[in-house]
């Protein structure tokens, strides 16, 4: 059983939770799209920046299993309390879900965060305790720490929000296949931020193990996260 990712850029893509516990792809799938306004598809480019190949239909996972895994870059950003957050040292949960987005996103970002929160609500409490969610803003100019914290609290007060210089954020996203495109201006200072909208699940060794494609259903998270936790626990025995 092997799922191999050559490279991946974006695919297409309020639940309030204040208490802690309150696609599958085809065998050969080319993904050569960017997300506009977090939802609409742009036309494919001449050189395809993304490709998933050799995906085995016998995989127990609904998401794409990364073999070999993607490594999360070593980087330090800033959390919503203004404290430094090291993507290696401070992601100590057995599973961390990493997502890039922004609070003014009209569709994919709030939908994805709500779906993740709903999925975590459906896990057993001990499983929920083993999953950390990290949201990295792609719009640090507008997403100040207070704005980011208030927005994330609509979904889960324990979701981690990170910001920083856009160059540093792009440097984290690029090797993970998360494309950050120039702003789409609408006038009067309003703009959209085009970005990849997939969710990456990685282990305590900062190895990306699963890739949930854009608009992955809640059921995929509910199904895959316990399996991944079991796999990681088994590998640590």
Protein backbone atom coordinates (compact mmCIF):
# COMPACT_ATOMS: atom_id res chain seq x y z
CA UNK A 1 0.00 0.00 0.00
CA UNK A 2 1.62 3.18 -1.18
CA UNK A 3 0.44 6.73 -1.84
CA UNK A 4 3.05 8.92 -3.41
CA UNK A 5 2.90 12.68 -3.84
CA UNK A 6 5.27 14.19 -6.36
CA UNK A 7 4.26 17.75 -5.56
CA UNK A 8 1.06 19.44 -4.54
CA UNK A 9 -0.32 22.92 -4.80
CA UNK A 10 -3.85 23.84 -3.88
CA UNK A 11 -6.99 21.95 -4.71
CA UNK A 12 -10.45 23.53 -4.84
CA UNK A 13 -12.22 24.13 -1.76
CA UNK A 14 -20.10 28.37 12.47
CA UNK A 15 -19.78 25.75 14.44
CA UNK A 16 -19.31 27.28 17.96
CA UNK A 17 -17.36 25.10 20.35
CA UNK A 18 -16.20 26.74 23.58
CA UNK A 19 -15.71 23.55 25.60
CA UNK A 20 -12.87 21.17 24.83
CA UNK A 21 -15.09 18.14 24.37
CA UNK A 22 -18.31 19.94 23.66
CA UNK A 23 -11.98 11.89 -1.65
CA UNK A 24 -10.55 9.54 -1.64
CA UNK A 25 -8.67 10.53 -4.92
CA UNK A 26 -8.55 8.43 -8.05
CA UNK A 27 -5.68 6.00 -8.67
CA UNK A 28 -3.87 8.62 -10.73
CA UNK A 29 -5.01 12.18 -10.03
CA UNK A 30 -3.43 15.36 -11.30
CA UNK A 31 -4.23 18.47 -9.26
CA UNK A 32 -3.18 21.60 -11.14
CA UNK A 33 -5.38 24.29 -9.64
CA UNK A 34 -5.15 27.23 -7.29
CA UNK A 35 -7.83 28.44 -4.94
CA UNK A 36 -9.25 31.85 -5.69
CA UNK A 37 -10.99 33.54 -2.78
CA UNK A 38 -10.53 30.21 -1.00
CA UNK A 39 -13.08 28.58 -3.20
CA UNK A 40 -13.29 29.26 -6.93
CA UNK A 41 -10.98 27.41 -9.28
CA UNK A 42 -8.51 29.19 -11.47
CA UNK A 43 -7.56 27.72 -14.80
CA UNK A 44 -4.74 25.17 -14.86
CA UNK A 45 -1.30 26.46 -15.70
CA UNK A 46 0.79 25.12 -18.57
CA UNK A 47 3.19 23.44 -16.17
CA UNK A 48 1.24 21.38 -13.68
CA UNK A 49 2.47 22.26 -10.16
CA UNK A 50 0.67 19.37 -8.52
CA UNK A 51 0.35 15.68 -8.97
CA UNK A 52 -0.75 12.70 -6.95
CA UNK A 53 0.29 9.41 -8.45
CA UNK A 54 0.17 5.74 -7.57
CA UNK A 55 -2.56 5.98 -4.97
CA UNK A 56 -3.63 2.53 -3.80
CA UNK A 57 -7.35 1.94 -3.45
CA UNK A 58 -6.60 -0.59 -0.69
CA UNK A 59 -5.52 2.14 1.70
CA UNK A 60 -7.51 2.20 4.95
CA UNK A 61 -7.47 6.01 4.87
CA UNK A 62 -9.95 8.30 3.16
CA UNK A 63 -7.33 11.05 2.92
CA UNK A 64 -4.17 10.79 0.84
CA UNK A 65 -1.50 8.80 2.68
CA UNK A 66 1.89 10.45 2.20
CA UNK A 67 4.68 8.00 1.48
CA UNK A 68 7.28 9.29 1.93
CA UNK A 69 5.88 11.89 4.34
CA UNK A 70 6.27 15.62 3.89
CA UNK A 71 8.46 17.25 6.52
CA UNK A 72 7.16 20.41 8.16
CA UNK A 73 9.85 23.13 7.88
CA UNK A 74 11.58 24.33 11.00
CA UNK A 75 10.19 27.81 11.63
CA UNK A 76 9.03 30.04 14.45
CA UNK A 77 5.90 32.16 14.06
CA UNK A 78 3.84 34.13 16.62
CA UNK A 79 0.75 32.83 18.41
CA UNK A 80 -2.33 34.83 19.36
CA UNK A 81 -0.83 35.68 22.76
CA UNK A 82 2.16 37.28 21.07
CA UNK A 83 4.47 34.44 22.09
CA UNK A 84 6.86 32.64 19.72
CA UNK A 85 5.57 29.29 18.44
CA UNK A 86 8.10 26.80 17.10
CA UNK A 87 6.53 24.48 14.52
CA UNK A 88 8.83 21.70 15.70
CA UNK A 89 9.16 22.24 19.45
CA UNK A 90 5.57 23.33 20.17
CA UNK A 91 3.70 20.70 18.15
CA UNK A 92 3.96 17.88 20.64
CA UNK A 93 0.55 16.22 20.21
CA UNK A 94 0.52 12.79 18.55
CA UNK A 95 -1.31 14.38 15.62
CA UNK A 96 -1.30 18.03 14.55
CA UNK A 97 -3.66 19.30 11.85
CA UNK A 98 -2.13 22.20 9.94
CA UNK A 99 -4.18 24.60 7.82
CA UNK A 100 -3.39 27.89 6.07
CA UNK A 101 -6.17 30.46 5.69
CA UNK A 102 -7.47 33.87 6.74
CA UNK A 103 -10.34 35.28 8.75
CA UNK A 104 -11.89 37.26 5.89
CA UNK A 105 -12.12 34.13 3.76
CA UNK A 106 -15.68 33.88 2.39
CA UNK A 107 -16.00 30.12 2.15
CA UNK A 108 -13.34 27.41 2.44
CA UNK A 109 -11.60 28.61 5.61
CA UNK A 110 -14.61 28.88 7.93
CA UNK A 111 -16.13 25.75 6.41
CA UNK A 112 -12.94 23.75 6.96
CA UNK A 113 -12.48 24.95 10.53
CA UNK A 114 -16.12 24.18 11.33
CA UNK A 115 -15.77 20.71 9.80
CA UNK A 116 -12.60 19.98 11.75
CA UNK A 117 -14.23 21.16 14.98
CA UNK A 118 -17.28 19.01 14.30
CA UNK A 119 -15.08 16.01 13.57
CA UNK A 120 -13.12 16.47 16.80
CA UNK A 121 -16.38 16.62 18.72
CA UNK A 122 -17.20 13.16 17.39
CA UNK A 123 -13.95 11.56 18.59
CA UNK A 124 -13.60 9.88 21.95
CA UNK A 125 -12.32 12.38 24.55
CA UNK A 126 -8.96 10.61 24.84
CA UNK A 127 -8.56 10.75 21.05
CA UNK A 128 -9.55 14.41 20.97
CA UNK A 129 -6.87 15.17 23.55
CA UNK A 130 -4.25 13.79 21.16
CA UNK A 131 -5.08 16.12 18.26
CA UNK A 132 -3.81 19.68 17.97
CA UNK A 133 -5.08 22.15 15.36
CA UNK A 134 -2.78 24.89 14.05
CA UNK A 135 -4.15 27.64 11.79
CA UNK A 136 -1.57 29.83 10.03
CA UNK A 137 -2.92 33.07 8.61
CA UNK A 138 -2.18 33.93 4.99
CA UNK A 139 -3.28 37.52 5.62
CA UNK A 140 -1.12 38.83 8.50
CA UNK A 141 -1.85 42.46 7.62
CA UNK A 142 -5.50 42.12 8.65
CA UNK A 143 -5.29 39.09 10.92
CA UNK A 144 -3.84 40.66 14.03
CA UNK A 145 -3.53 38.43 17.08
CA UNK A 146 -6.83 39.61 18.64
CA UNK A 147 -8.69 39.24 15.32
CA UNK A 148 -7.28 35.77 14.78
CA UNK A 149 -8.07 34.66 18.33
CA UNK A 150 -11.66 35.90 18.21
CA UNK A 151 -12.27 34.20 14.87
CA UNK A 152 -10.81 30.86 15.94
CA UNK A 153 -12.83 30.90 19.16
CA UNK A 154 -15.95 30.58 17.02
CA UNK A 155 -14.82 27.04 16.30
CA UNK A 156 -12.69 25.91 19.23
CA UNK A 157 -10.94 27.93 21.91
CA UNK A 158 -7.98 25.54 21.81
CA UNK A 159 -7.21 25.97 18.13
CA UNK A 160 -3.77 27.56 17.80
CA UNK A 161 -3.55 30.66 15.62
CA UNK A 162 -0.22 31.77 14.16
CA UNK A 163 0.90 34.88 12.33
CA UNK A 164 4.17 36.43 11.22
CA UNK A 165 5.82 38.06 8.24
CA UNK A 166 4.25 36.92 4.98
CA UNK A 167 7.71 35.87 3.74
CA UNK A 168 8.11 33.53 6.72
CA UNK A 169 4.60 32.15 6.26
CA UNK A 170 5.23 31.52 2.57
CA UNK A 171 8.50 29.78 3.44
CA UNK A 172 6.55 27.33 5.62
CA UNK A 173 3.81 26.72 3.07
CA UNK A 174 5.87 26.35 -0.09
CA UNK A 175 7.66 23.04 0.72
CA UNK A 176 4.31 21.64 1.89
CA UNK A 177 2.70 22.46 -1.45
CA UNK A 178 0.61 25.30 0.01
CA UNK A 179 0.63 28.07 -2.59
CA UNK A 180 0.14 31.68 -1.50
CA UNK A 181 -0.79 33.85 -4.45
CA UNK A 182 -0.90 37.66 -4.84
CA UNK A 183 -4.00 39.38 -3.46
CA UNK A 184 -7.06 39.79 -5.63
CA UNK A 185 -8.04 43.43 -5.16
CA UNK A 186 -11.71 44.47 -5.11
CA UNK A 187 -11.22 48.18 -4.45
CA UNK A 188 -11.72 50.26 -1.30
CA UNK A 189 -8.97 48.27 0.39
CA UNK A 190 -10.88 45.00 0.13
CA UNK A 191 -9.11 41.95 -1.24
CA UNK A 192 -9.09 38.17 -1.29
CA UNK A 193 -6.09 35.97 -0.57
CA UNK A 194 -5.56 33.00 -2.86
CA UNK A 195 -4.06 30.02 -1.06
CA UNK A 196 -3.99 26.25 -0.89
CA UNK A 197 -6.86 24.90 1.18
CA UNK A 198 -5.84 21.36 2.10
CA UNK A 199 -5.33 20.09 5.66
CA UNK A 200 -2.08 18.34 6.52
CA UNK A 201 -1.92 15.88 9.43
CA UNK A 202 1.55 15.38 10.84
CA UNK A 203 3.06 13.39 13.69
CA UNK A 204 5.28 14.48 16.65
CA UNK A 205 8.35 14.12 14.41
CA UNK A 206 6.98 16.85 12.11
CA UNK A 207 6.32 14.31 9.37
CA UNK A 208 3.21 14.98 7.29
CA UNK A 209 1.38 11.67 7.12
CA UNK A 210 -2.07 12.48 5.70
CA UNK A 211 -3.34 15.06 3.26
CA UNK A 212 -7.04 15.95 3.41
CA UNK A 213 -7.94 17.50 0.10
CA UNK A 214 -10.03 20.66 -0.08
CA UNK A 215 -13.64 20.17 1.05
CA UNK A 216 -12.90 16.79 2.61
CA UNK A 217 -16.08 15.73 4.47
CA UNK A 218 -16.30 15.57 8.24
CA UNK A 219 -16.58 11.79 7.99
CA UNK A 220 -13.08 11.56 6.51
CA UNK A 221 -11.55 13.22 9.58
CA UNK A 222 -13.64 11.13 11.96
CA UNK A 223 -12.59 7.97 10.15
CA UNK A 224 -8.91 8.73 9.59
CA UNK A 225 -7.75 10.43 12.79
CA UNK A 226 -8.25 7.38 15.06
CA UNK A 227 -6.50 5.20 12.47
CA UNK A 228 -3.57 7.58 12.31
CA UNK A 229 -3.37 7.78 16.11
CA UNK A 230 -3.27 3.99 16.28
CA UNK A 231 -0.58 3.84 13.59
CA UNK A 232 1.58 6.42 15.38
CA UNK A 233 1.10 4.69 18.74
CA UNK A 234 2.01 1.34 17.20
CA UNK A 235 5.14 2.79 15.64
CA UNK A 236 6.25 4.15 19.01
CA UNK A 237 5.96 0.83 20.82
